[in-house]
C-alpha atoms as a PDB file:
ATOM      1  CA  MET A   1      71.346  23.892 -22.653  1.00  0.00           C
ATOM      2  CA  ALA A   2      69.208  23.407 -19.543  1.00  0.00           C
ATOM      3  CA  GLY A   3      71.170  23.191 -16.334  1.00  0.00           C
ATOM      4  CA  GLY A   4      71.410  19.896 -14.463  1.00  0.00           C
ATOM      5  CA  LEU A   5      73.458  16.696 -14.225  1.00  0.00           C
ATOM      6  CA  TYR A   6      73.523  14.552 -17.299  1.00  0.00           C
ATOM      7  CA  ILE A   7      74.626  10.895 -16.759  1.00  0.00           C
ATOM      8  CA  CYS A   8      76.078   9.756 -20.023  1.00  0.00           C
ATOM      9  CA  ALA A   9      76.811   6.182 -21.218  1.00  0.00           C
ATOM     10  CA  THR A  10      80.008   5.832 -23.179  1.00  0.00           C
ATOM     11  CA  PRO A  11      81.142   2.952 -25.417  1.00  0.00           C
ATOM     12  CA  ILE A  12      82.511  -0.196 -23.863  1.00  0.00           C
ATOM     13  CA  GLY A  13      84.897  -0.766 -26.660  1.00  0.00           C
ATOM     14  CA  ASN A  14      83.743   0.135 -30.140  1.00  0.00           C
ATOM     15  CA  LEU A  15      83.489   3.989 -30.375  1.00  0.00           C
ATOM     16  CA  GLN A  16      80.711   3.675 -32.866  1.00  0.00           C
ATOM     17  CA  ASP A  17      78.397   2.428 -30.114  1.00  0.00           C
ATOM     18  CA  ILE A  18      77.953   5.910 -28.628  1.00  0.00           C
ATOM     19  CA  THR A  19      74.466   7.267 -29.039  1.00  0.00           C
ATOM     20  CA  LEU A  20      73.600  10.395 -31.002  1.00  0.00           C
ATOM     21  CA  ARG A  21      71.882  11.822 -27.948  1.00  0.00           C
ATOM     22  CA  VAL A  22      75.080  11.441 -25.797  1.00  0.00           C
ATOM     23  CA  LEU A  23      77.195  13.152 -28.513  1.00  0.00           C
ATOM     24  CA  GLU A  24      74.794  16.065 -28.612  1.00  0.00           C
ATOM     25  CA  VAL A  25      74.849  16.438 -24.800  1.00  0.00           C
ATOM     26  CA  LEU A  26      78.612  16.168 -24.574  1.00  0.00           C
ATOM     27  CA  LYS A  27      78.924  18.961 -27.156  1.00  0.00           C
ATOM     28  CA  GLN A  28      76.511  21.325 -25.397  1.00  0.00           C
ATOM     29  CA  VAL A  29      77.103  20.930 -21.635  1.00  0.00           C
ATOM     30  CA  ASP A  30      79.290  23.362 -19.741  1.00  0.00           C
ATOM     31  CA  LEU A  31      81.590  20.777 -18.290  1.00  0.00           C
ATOM     32  CA  ILE A  32      82.274  17.112 -18.572  1.00  0.00           C
ATOM     33  CA  LEU A  33      83.235  15.084 -15.449  1.00  0.00           C
ATOM     34  CA  ALA A  34      85.373  12.031 -16.335  1.00  0.00           C
ATOM     35  CA  GLU A  35      86.694   9.013 -14.377  1.00  0.00           C
ATOM     36  CA  ASP A  36      89.907   9.312 -16.308  1.00  0.00           C
ATOM     37  CA  THR A  37      90.350  12.448 -18.334  1.00  0.00           C
ATOM     38  CA  ARG A  38      93.096  10.858 -20.580  1.00  0.00           C
ATOM     39  CA  HIS A  39      90.690   8.061 -21.558  1.00  0.00           C
ATOM     40  CA  THR A  40      87.749  10.447 -22.190  1.00  0.00           C
ATOM     41  CA  ARG A  41      89.919  12.959 -24.113  1.00  0.00           C
ATOM     42  CA  LYS A  42      90.528  10.168 -26.776  1.00  0.00           C
ATOM     43  CA  LEU A  43      86.720   9.790 -27.106  1.00  0.00           C
ATOM     44  CA  LEU A  44      86.132  13.523 -27.301  1.00  0.00           C
ATOM     45  CA  ASN A  45      88.982  14.044 -29.831  1.00  0.00           C
ATOM     46  CA  HIS A  46      87.534  11.237 -31.972  1.00  0.00           C
ATOM     47  CA  PHE A  47      84.194  13.021 -32.307  1.00  0.00           C
ATOM     48  CA  GLU A  48      85.834  16.531 -32.348  1.00  0.00           C
ATOM     49  CA  ILE A  49      84.263  17.656 -29.017  1.00  0.00           C
ATOM     50  CA  ASN A  50      86.030  20.520 -27.294  1.00  0.00           C
ATOM     51  CA  THR A  51      83.915  20.786 -24.111  1.00  0.00           C
ATOM     52  CA  PRO A  52      86.045  21.485 -20.923  1.00  0.00           C
ATOM     53  CA  LEU A  53      86.926  18.362 -19.028  1.00  0.00           C
ATOM     54  CA  ARG A  54      87.462  17.739 -15.312  1.00  0.00           C
ATOM     55  CA  SER A  55      88.488  14.687 -13.341  1.00  0.00           C
ATOM     56  CA  LEU A  56      86.060  12.966 -10.971  1.00  0.00           C
ATOM     57  CA  HIS A  57      87.243   9.682  -9.600  1.00  0.00           C
ATOM     58  CA  GLU A  58      86.859   7.571  -6.443  1.00  0.00           C
ATOM     59  CA  HIS A  59      89.687   9.503  -4.691  1.00  0.00           C
ATOM     60  CA  ASN A  60      88.349  12.996  -5.154  1.00  0.00           C
ATOM     61  CA  GLU A  61      84.514  12.589  -5.649  1.00  0.00           C
ATOM     62  CA  TYR A  62      83.634  13.394  -2.066  1.00  0.00           C
ATOM     63  CA  GLU A  63      85.726  16.517  -1.909  1.00  0.00           C
ATOM     64  CA  GLN A  64      84.370  17.903  -5.252  1.00  0.00           C
ATOM     65  CA  ILE A  65      80.655  17.546  -4.515  1.00  0.00           C
ATOM     66  CA  PRO A  66      80.248  20.944  -2.740  1.00  0.00           C
ATOM     67  CA  ALA A  67      81.786  22.839  -5.701  1.00  0.00           C
ATOM     68  CA  LEU A  68      79.840  20.894  -8.305  1.00  0.00           C
ATOM     69  CA  LEU A  69      76.572  21.499  -6.434  1.00  0.00           C
ATOM     70  CA  ALA A  70      77.375  25.213  -6.365  1.00  0.00           C
ATOM     71  CA  GLU A  71      77.850  25.065 -10.156  1.00  0.00           C
ATOM     72  CA  LEU A  72      74.452  23.337 -10.496  1.00  0.00           C
ATOM     73  CA  ALA A  73      72.881  25.983  -8.305  1.00  0.00           C
ATOM     74  CA  GLY A  74      74.160  28.561 -10.717  1.00  0.00           C
ATOM     75  CA  GLY A  75      72.393  26.841 -13.583  1.00  0.00           C
ATOM     76  CA  ALA A  76      75.398  24.964 -15.063  1.00  0.00           C
ATOM     77  CA  SER A  77      74.939  21.827 -17.114  1.00  0.00           C
ATOM     78  CA  LEU A  78      77.327  18.918 -16.116  1.00  0.00           C
ATOM     79  CA  ALA A  79      77.870  15.676 -17.954  1.00  0.00           C
ATOM     80  CA  LEU A  80      79.102  12.698 -15.958  1.00  0.00           C
ATOM     81  CA  VAL A  81      81.012   9.837 -17.777  1.00  0.00           C
ATOM     82  CA  SER A  82      83.037   6.840 -16.889  1.00  0.00           C
ATOM     83  CA  ASP A  83      85.637   5.030 -18.858  1.00  0.00           C
ATOM     84  CA  ALA A  84      83.077   2.585 -20.290  1.00  0.00           C
ATOM     85  CA  GLY A  85      79.304   2.097 -19.997  1.00  0.00           C
ATOM     86  CA  LEU A  86      77.202   4.118 -17.477  1.00  0.00           C
ATOM     87  CA  PRO A  87      78.823   5.825 -14.494  1.00  0.00           C
ATOM     88  CA  ALA A  88      77.942   4.874 -10.906  1.00  0.00           C
ATOM     89  CA  VAL A  89      77.223   1.277 -11.531  1.00  0.00           C
ATOM     90  CA  SER A  90      80.705  -0.116 -10.893  1.00  0.00           C
ATOM     91  CA  ASP A  91      82.418   3.263 -11.344  1.00  0.00           C
ATOM     92  CA  PRO A  92      82.545   6.663  -9.436  1.00  0.00           C
ATOM     93  CA  GLY A  93      79.556   9.105  -9.612  1.00  0.00           C
ATOM     94  CA  ALA A  94      76.974   7.521  -7.219  1.00  0.00           C
ATOM     95  CA  LEU A  95      77.771  10.139  -4.478  1.00  0.00           C
ATOM     96  CA  LEU A  96      77.298  13.080  -6.854  1.00  0.00           C
ATOM     97  CA  ILE A  97      74.117  11.736  -8.214  1.00  0.00           C
ATOM     98  CA  GLN A  98      72.658  11.178  -4.803  1.00  0.00           C
ATOM     99  CA  ALA A  99      73.722  14.723  -3.670  1.00  0.00           C
ATOM    100  CA  ALA A 100      72.298  16.346  -6.784  1.00  0.00           C
ATOM    101  CA  ARG A 101      68.985  14.643  -6.413  1.00  0.00           C
ATOM    102  CA  GLU A 102      68.797  15.411  -2.673  1.00  0.00           C
ATOM    103  CA  GLN A 103      69.296  19.083  -3.450  1.00  0.00           C
ATOM    104  CA  GLY A 104      66.533  19.090  -6.142  1.00  0.00           C
ATOM    105  CA  TYR A 105      68.725  19.559  -9.243  1.00  0.00           C
ATOM    106  CA  PRO A 106      67.616  17.926 -12.425  1.00  0.00           C
ATOM    107  CA  VAL A 107      69.265  14.494 -13.056  1.00  0.00           C
ATOM    108  CA  THR A 108      68.941  12.913 -16.549  1.00  0.00           C
ATOM    109  CA  VAL A 109      70.210   9.518 -17.663  1.00  0.00           C
ATOM    110  CA  LEU A 110      71.317   8.891 -21.234  1.00  0.00           C
ATOM    111  CA  PRO A 111      71.504   5.034 -21.626  1.00  0.00           C
ATOM    112  CA  GLY A 112      73.798   3.142 -24.039  1.00  0.00           C
ATOM    113  CA  ALA A 113      76.315   0.241 -24.247  1.00  0.00           C
ATOM    114  CA  SER A 114      76.492  -2.206 -21.265  1.00  0.00           C
ATOM    115  CA  ALA A 115      79.131  -4.886 -20.691  1.00  0.00           C
ATOM    116  CA  VAL A 116      76.719  -6.593 -18.413  1.00  0.00           C
ATOM    117  CA  THR A 117      73.841  -7.191 -20.918  1.00  0.00           C
ATOM    118  CA  THR A 118      76.257  -7.658 -23.819  1.00  0.00           C
ATOM    119  CA  ALA A 119      78.125 -10.457 -21.948  1.00  0.00           C
ATOM    120  CA  LEU A 120      74.843 -12.111 -20.896  1.00  0.00           C
ATOM    121  CA  LEU A 121      73.699 -12.356 -24.430  1.00  0.00           C
ATOM    122  CA  LEU A 122      76.945 -13.503 -25.942  1.00  0.00           C
ATOM    123  CA  SER A 123      77.390 -16.173 -23.274  1.00  0.00           C
ATOM    124  CA  GLY A 124      74.402 -18.002 -24.344  1.00  0.00           C
ATOM    125  CA  LEU A 125      73.347 -18.454 -20.733  1.00  0.00           C
ATOM    126  CA  SER A 126      70.479 -16.083 -20.613  1.00  0.00           C
ATOM    127  CA  SER A 127      67.232 -17.684 -19.695  1.00  0.00           C
ATOM    128  CA  GLY A 128      65.135 -14.599 -20.490  1.00  0.00           C
ATOM    129  CA  GLN A 129      64.027 -14.550 -16.778  1.00  0.00           C
ATOM    130  CA  GLY A 130      66.400 -11.937 -15.452  1.00  0.00           C
ATOM    131  CA  PHE A 131      69.934 -11.922 -13.882  1.00  0.00           C
ATOM    132  CA  SER A 132      71.915 -10.734 -10.894  1.00  0.00           C
ATOM    133  CA  PHE A 133      74.889  -8.328 -11.267  1.00  0.00           C
ATOM    134  CA  ILE A 134      77.342  -8.151  -8.415  1.00  0.00           C
ATOM    135  CA  GLY A 135      79.983  -5.777  -9.826  1.00  0.00           C
ATOM    136  CA  PHE A 136      83.687  -6.360  -9.274  1.00  0.00           C
ATOM    137  CA  LEU A 137      84.560  -9.500  -7.270  1.00  0.00           C
ATOM    138  CA  PRO A 138      86.166  -9.014  -3.764  1.00  0.00           C
ATOM    139  CA  ARG A 139      89.916  -9.245  -3.595  1.00  0.00           C
ATOM    140  CA  THR A 140      90.254 -12.025  -1.074  1.00  0.00           C
ATOM    141  CA  SER A 141      89.392 -15.678  -1.465  1.00  0.00           C
ATOM    142  CA  LYS A 142      87.246 -15.723   1.629  1.00  0.00           C
ATOM    143  CA  GLN A 143      85.204 -12.792   0.570  1.00  0.00           C
ATOM    144  CA  ARG A 144      84.754 -14.170  -2.924  1.00  0.00           C
ATOM    145  CA  GLN A 145      83.557 -17.578  -1.602  1.00  0.00           C
ATOM    146  CA  ASP A 146      81.186 -15.957   0.919  1.00  0.00           C
ATOM    147  CA  LEU A 147      79.675 -13.855  -1.786  1.00  0.00           C
ATOM    148  CA  LEU A 148      79.318 -16.768  -4.233  1.00  0.00           C
ATOM    149  CA  ARG A 149      77.534 -18.855  -1.607  1.00  0.00           C
ATOM    150  CA  THR A 150      74.948 -16.109  -1.439  1.00  0.00           C
ATOM    151  CA  TYR A 151      74.156 -16.485  -5.163  1.00  0.00           C
ATOM    152  CA  ALA A 152      74.886 -20.213  -5.545  1.00  0.00           C
ATOM    153  CA  ALA A 153      71.257 -21.323  -5.595  1.00  0.00           C
ATOM    154  CA  PHE A 154      69.962 -18.614  -7.904  1.00  0.00           C
ATOM    155  CA  GLN A 155      67.900 -19.914 -10.789  1.00  0.00           C
ATOM    156  CA  HIS A 156      69.147 -17.189 -13.133  1.00  0.00           C
ATOM    157  CA  PRO A 157      72.576 -16.055 -14.367  1.00  0.00           C
ATOM    158  CA  VAL A 158      74.959 -14.051 -12.169  1.00  0.00           C
ATOM    159  CA  ILE A 159      77.300 -11.658 -13.737  1.00  0.00           C
ATOM    160  CA  CYS A 160      80.436 -10.037 -12.315  1.00  0.00           C
ATOM    161  CA  PHE A 161      83.601  -8.249 -13.303  1.00  0.00           C
ATOM    162  CA  GLU A 162      87.155  -9.504 -12.672  1.00  0.00           C
ATOM    163  CA  SER A 163      90.668  -8.430 -13.538  1.00  0.00           C
ATOM    164  CA  PRO A 164      92.896 -10.712 -15.636  1.00  0.00           C
ATOM    165  CA  HIS A 165      95.613 -11.148 -12.976  1.00  0.00           C
ATOM    166  CA  ARG A 166      93.012 -12.436 -10.454  1.00  0.00           C
ATOM    167  CA  LEU A 167      90.941 -14.586 -12.780  1.00  0.00           C
ATOM    168  CA  GLN A 168      92.720 -17.936 -12.041  1.00  0.00           C
ATOM    169  CA  SER A 169      92.296 -17.632  -8.206  1.00  0.00           C
ATOM    170  CA  SER A 170      88.719 -16.492  -8.558  1.00  0.00           C
ATOM    171  CA  LEU A 171      87.975 -19.542 -10.841  1.00  0.00           C
ATOM    172  CA  GLU A 172      89.397 -21.714  -8.046  1.00  0.00           C
ATOM    173  CA  ASP A 173      86.998 -20.125  -5.535  1.00  0.00           C
ATOM    174  CA  PHE A 174      84.158 -20.568  -8.072  1.00  0.00           C
ATOM    175  CA  GLU A 175      84.895 -24.288  -8.347  1.00  0.00           C
ATOM    176  CA  ALA A 176      85.120 -24.654  -4.578  1.00  0.00           C
ATOM    177  CA  VAL A 177      81.626 -23.198  -4.177  1.00  0.00           C
ATOM    178  CA  LEU A 178      79.858 -24.000  -7.448  1.00  0.00           C
ATOM    179  CA  GLY A 179      81.410 -27.348  -8.500  1.00  0.00           C
ATOM    180  CA  THR A 180      81.225 -28.003 -12.120  1.00  0.00           C
ATOM    181  CA  ARG A 181      78.796 -25.184 -12.913  1.00  0.00           C
ATOM    182  CA  GLU A 182      79.286 -23.629 -16.369  1.00  0.00           C
ATOM    183  CA  VAL A 183      80.787 -20.134 -16.537  1.00  0.00           C
ATOM    184  CA  ALA A 184      81.482 -17.844 -19.516  1.00  0.00           C
ATOM    185  CA  VAL A 185      84.432 -15.541 -19.538  1.00  0.00           C
ATOM    186  CA  CYS A 186      83.777 -12.602 -21.915  1.00  0.00           C
ATOM    187  CA  ARG A 187      86.695 -10.374 -22.880  1.00  0.00           C
ATOM    188  CA  GLU A 188      87.327  -7.264 -24.972  1.00  0.00           C
ATOM    189  CA  LEU A 189      83.593  -6.899 -25.630  1.00  0.00           C
ATOM    190  CA  THR A 190      82.698  -4.989 -28.879  1.00  0.00           C
ATOM    191  CA  LYS A 191      86.362  -4.726 -29.761  1.00  0.00           C
ATOM    192  CA  LEU A 192      88.345  -6.403 -32.525  1.00  0.00           C
ATOM    193  CA  HIS A 193      89.495  -9.308 -30.342  1.00  0.00           C
ATOM    194  CA  GLU A 194      86.087 -10.020 -28.643  1.00  0.00           C
ATOM    195  CA  GLU A 195      86.064 -13.473 -27.305  1.00  0.00           C
ATOM    196  CA  VAL A 196      83.811 -15.740 -25.142  1.00  0.00           C
ATOM    197  CA  ILE A 197      85.273 -18.865 -23.424  1.00  0.00           C
ATOM    198  CA  ARG A 198      82.568 -21.036 -21.900  1.00  0.00           C
ATOM    199  CA  PHE A 199      83.261 -24.338 -20.057  1.00  0.00           C
ATOM    200  CA  ALA A 200      82.386 -26.126 -16.878  1.00  0.00           C
ATOM    201  CA  LEU A 201      84.535 -24.718 -14.148  1.00  0.00           C
ATOM    202  CA  PRO A 202      87.275 -27.491 -14.104  1.00  0.00           C
ATOM    203  CA  GLU A 203      87.783 -27.156 -17.814  1.00  0.00           C
ATOM    204  CA  LEU A 204      87.544 -23.369 -17.673  1.00  0.00           C
ATOM    205  CA  ARG A 205      90.290 -23.174 -14.936  1.00  0.00           C
ATOM    206  CA  ALA A 206      92.517 -25.582 -16.931  1.00  0.00           C
ATOM    207  CA  TYR A 207      92.038 -23.531 -20.172  1.00  0.00           C
ATOM    208  CA  PHE A 208      93.195 -20.281 -18.476  1.00  0.00           C
ATOM    209  CA  ALA A 209      96.034 -21.952 -16.819  1.00  0.00           C
ATOM    210  CA  HIS A 210      97.472 -22.475 -20.293  1.00  0.00           C
ATOM    211  CA  HIS A 211      95.990 -19.335 -21.869  1.00  0.00           C
ATOM    212  CA  PRO A 212      96.467 -16.348 -19.481  1.00  0.00           C
ATOM    213  CA  PRO A 213      93.709 -13.802 -20.184  1.00  0.00           C
ATOM    214  CA  ARG A 214      94.215 -10.176 -21.225  1.00  0.00           C
ATOM    215  CA  GLY A 215      91.830  -7.209 -21.438  1.00  0.00           C
ATOM    216  CA  GLU A 216      88.631  -6.456 -19.487  1.00  0.00           C
ATOM    217  CA  LEU A 217      86.695  -9.452 -18.367  1.00  0.00           C
ATOM    218  CA  THR A 218      83.063 -10.058 -17.662  1.00  0.00           C
ATOM    219  CA  LEU A 219      82.009 -13.313 -16.111  1.00  0.00           C
ATOM    220  CA  VAL A 220      78.635 -14.969 -16.595  1.00  0.00           C
ATOM    221  CA  ILE A 221      77.742 -17.795 -14.151  1.00  0.00           C
ATOM    222  CA  ALA A 222      75.143 -20.288 -15.333  1.00  0.00           C
ATOM    223  CA  PRO A 223      71.919 -20.631 -13.296  1.00  0.00           C
ATOM    224  CA  ALA A 224      71.824 -23.186 -10.587  1.00  0.00           C
ATOM    225  CA  PRO A 225      70.627 -26.528 -12.000  1.00  0.00           C
ATOM    226  CA  GLU A 226      67.084 -27.643 -11.230  1.00  0.00           C
ATOM    227  CA  GLN A 227      66.846 -30.832  -9.225  1.00  0.00           C
ATOM    228  CA  THR A 228      64.861 -32.339 -12.157  1.00  0.00           C
ATOM    229  CA  GLU A 229      67.439 -31.458 -14.737  1.00  0.00           C
ATOM    230  CA  MET A 230      68.198 -34.341 -17.143  1.00  0.00           C
ATOM    231  CA  LEU A 231      71.626 -35.784 -17.159  1.00  0.00           C
ATOM    232  CA  GLU A 232      73.505 -36.370 -20.355  1.00  0.00           C
ATOM    233  CA  VAL A 233      73.119 -39.898 -21.792  1.00  0.00           C
ATOM    234  CA  ALA A 234      76.178 -41.863 -20.583  1.00  0.00           C
ATOM    235  CA  ASP A 235      77.046 -44.280 -23.532  1.00  0.00           C
ATOM    236  CA  ALA A 236      80.657 -45.430 -23.781  1.00  0.00           C
ATOM    237  CA  GLU A 237      81.427 -43.402 -26.965  1.00  0.00           C
ATOM    238  CA  THR A 238      80.224 -40.152 -25.397  1.00  0.00           C
ATOM    239  CA  VAL A 239      81.970 -40.738 -22.106  1.00  0.00           C
ATOM    240  CA  GLN A 240      85.220 -41.624 -23.677  1.00  0.00           C
ATOM    241  CA  ALA A 241      85.157 -38.554 -26.006  1.00  0.00           C
ATOM    242  CA  ALA A 242      84.501 -36.272 -23.031  1.00  0.00           C
ATOM    243  CA  TRP A 243      87.341 -37.806 -21.158  1.00  0.00           C
ATOM    244  CA  ARG A 244      89.752 -37.130 -24.037  1.00  0.00           C
ATOM    245  CA  GLU A 245      88.501 -33.576 -24.309  1.00  0.00           C
ATOM    246  CA  LEU A 246      89.064 -32.763 -20.620  1.00  0.00           C
ATOM    247  CA  GLN A 247      92.517 -34.243 -20.618  1.00  0.00           C
ATOM    248  CA  GLU A 248      93.481 -32.228 -23.697  1.00  0.00           C
ATOM    249  CA  LEU A 249      92.540 -29.100 -21.716  1.00  0.00           C
ATOM    250  CA  GLY A 250      95.156 -30.094 -19.073  1.00  0.00           C
ATOM    251  CA  LEU A 251      92.968 -31.398 -16.211  1.00  0.00           C
ATOM    252  CA  ASP A 252      94.469 -34.025 -13.955  1.00  0.00           C
ATOM    253  CA  LYS A 253      92.949 -37.515 -13.788  1.00  0.00           C
ATOM    254  CA  ARG A 254      91.079 -36.881 -10.669  1.00  0.00           C
ATOM    255  CA  SER A 255      89.470 -33.644 -11.829  1.00  0.00           C
ATOM    256  CA  VAL A 256      88.379 -35.319 -15.121  1.00  0.00           C
ATOM    257  CA  GLN A 257      86.746 -38.212 -13.133  1.00  0.00           C
ATOM    258  CA  GLU A 258      84.893 -36.022 -10.723  1.00  0.00           C
ATOM    259  CA  SER A 259      83.688 -33.790 -13.593  1.00  0.00           C
ATOM    260  CA  LEU A 260      82.380 -36.641 -15.637  1.00  0.00           C
ATOM    261  CA  GLN A 261      80.777 -38.495 -12.694  1.00  0.00           C
ATOM    262  CA  GLU A 262      78.745 -35.280 -11.975  1.00  0.00           C
ATOM    263  CA  ARG A 263      78.016 -34.556 -15.613  1.00  0.00           C
ATOM    264  CA  PHE A 264      76.702 -38.025 -16.400  1.00  0.00           C
ATOM    265  CA  GLY A 265      75.426 -39.045 -12.932  1.00  0.00           C
ATOM    266  CA  LEU A 266      77.865 -42.032 -12.634  1.00  0.00           C
ATOM    267  CA  THR A 267      79.521 -43.771  -9.874  1.00  0.00           C
ATOM    268  CA  ARG A 268      83.302 -44.300 -10.068  1.00  0.00           C
ATOM    269  CA  ASN A 269      82.875 -47.880 -11.164  1.00  0.00           C
ATOM    270  CA  GLU A 270      80.244 -47.188 -13.662  1.00  0.00           C
ATOM    271  CA  LEU A 271      82.469 -44.464 -15.205  1.00  0.00           C
ATOM    272  CA  TYR A 272      85.443 -46.755 -15.592  1.00  0.00           C
ATOM    273  CA  ALA A 273      83.389 -49.505 -16.974  1.00  0.00           C
ATOM    274  CA  LEU A 274      82.309 -47.204 -19.791  1.00  0.00           C
ATOM    275  CA  LEU A 275      85.842 -45.951 -20.308  1.00  0.00           C
ATOM    276  CA  LEU A 276      87.038 -49.526 -20.660  1.00  0.00           C
ATOM    277  CA  ASN A 277      84.305 -50.561 -23.002  1.00  0.00           C
ATOM    278  CA  LYS A 278      85.747 -51.150 -26.482  1.00  0.00           C
ATOM    279  CA  GLY A 279      82.263 -51.457 -28.095  1.00  0.00           C
END
């Protein structure tokens, strides 16, 4: 096989999503560089691939680059993979790719499954006008809120990754910055228990307070509403049904009130007049 660096997309859940081209490359290269060799070994065993495997992760990538460049200089073919999807997007590999290109070695990308675009389409929030991807959210509340303010006015979806144990605190920051914006939480994409939970932020936060998430999470934030966006029709029956729905999700009275006022464009008195209307 021709020497060079081959950047290979791996499945994000369902092993059958790997491409024929990636399988052929993984079989033929001299060495596979993996974010987690244990994880990648399962993939290779499934497809009966016996190519040598070496670890390349965020803690050793910089130190390994000189040796890997030397192997490329000798004509070696190297495949770079991450645990899921394409390497170097939110995973290790960017430093190696940059170094290989700077030294003039061939770099080839073999595309495939993507949690980002899969979540975007499953969420139903795609406008067909593009999106922004911001990777993993920062660990601190202040950093998250500062980042969200940067994207709050964007007129297209914003996508990010988050871990299950930080989801609730992140949703609190989302609500602080984005108010009642809709967000979809997509989990276990392409796997048996794939799930998309989409609500306005107060309802979403209440839902996950009672249903702690498990598995890998991709979040899709709805585009910022246009100033001319039409509000929902605020008849008594609709408002009363919405009130009951939010209370069933576990929201407190004040959160329900604020959510419905913004959703229907009502003052506090107008809202309660509709709630008390017996038809």
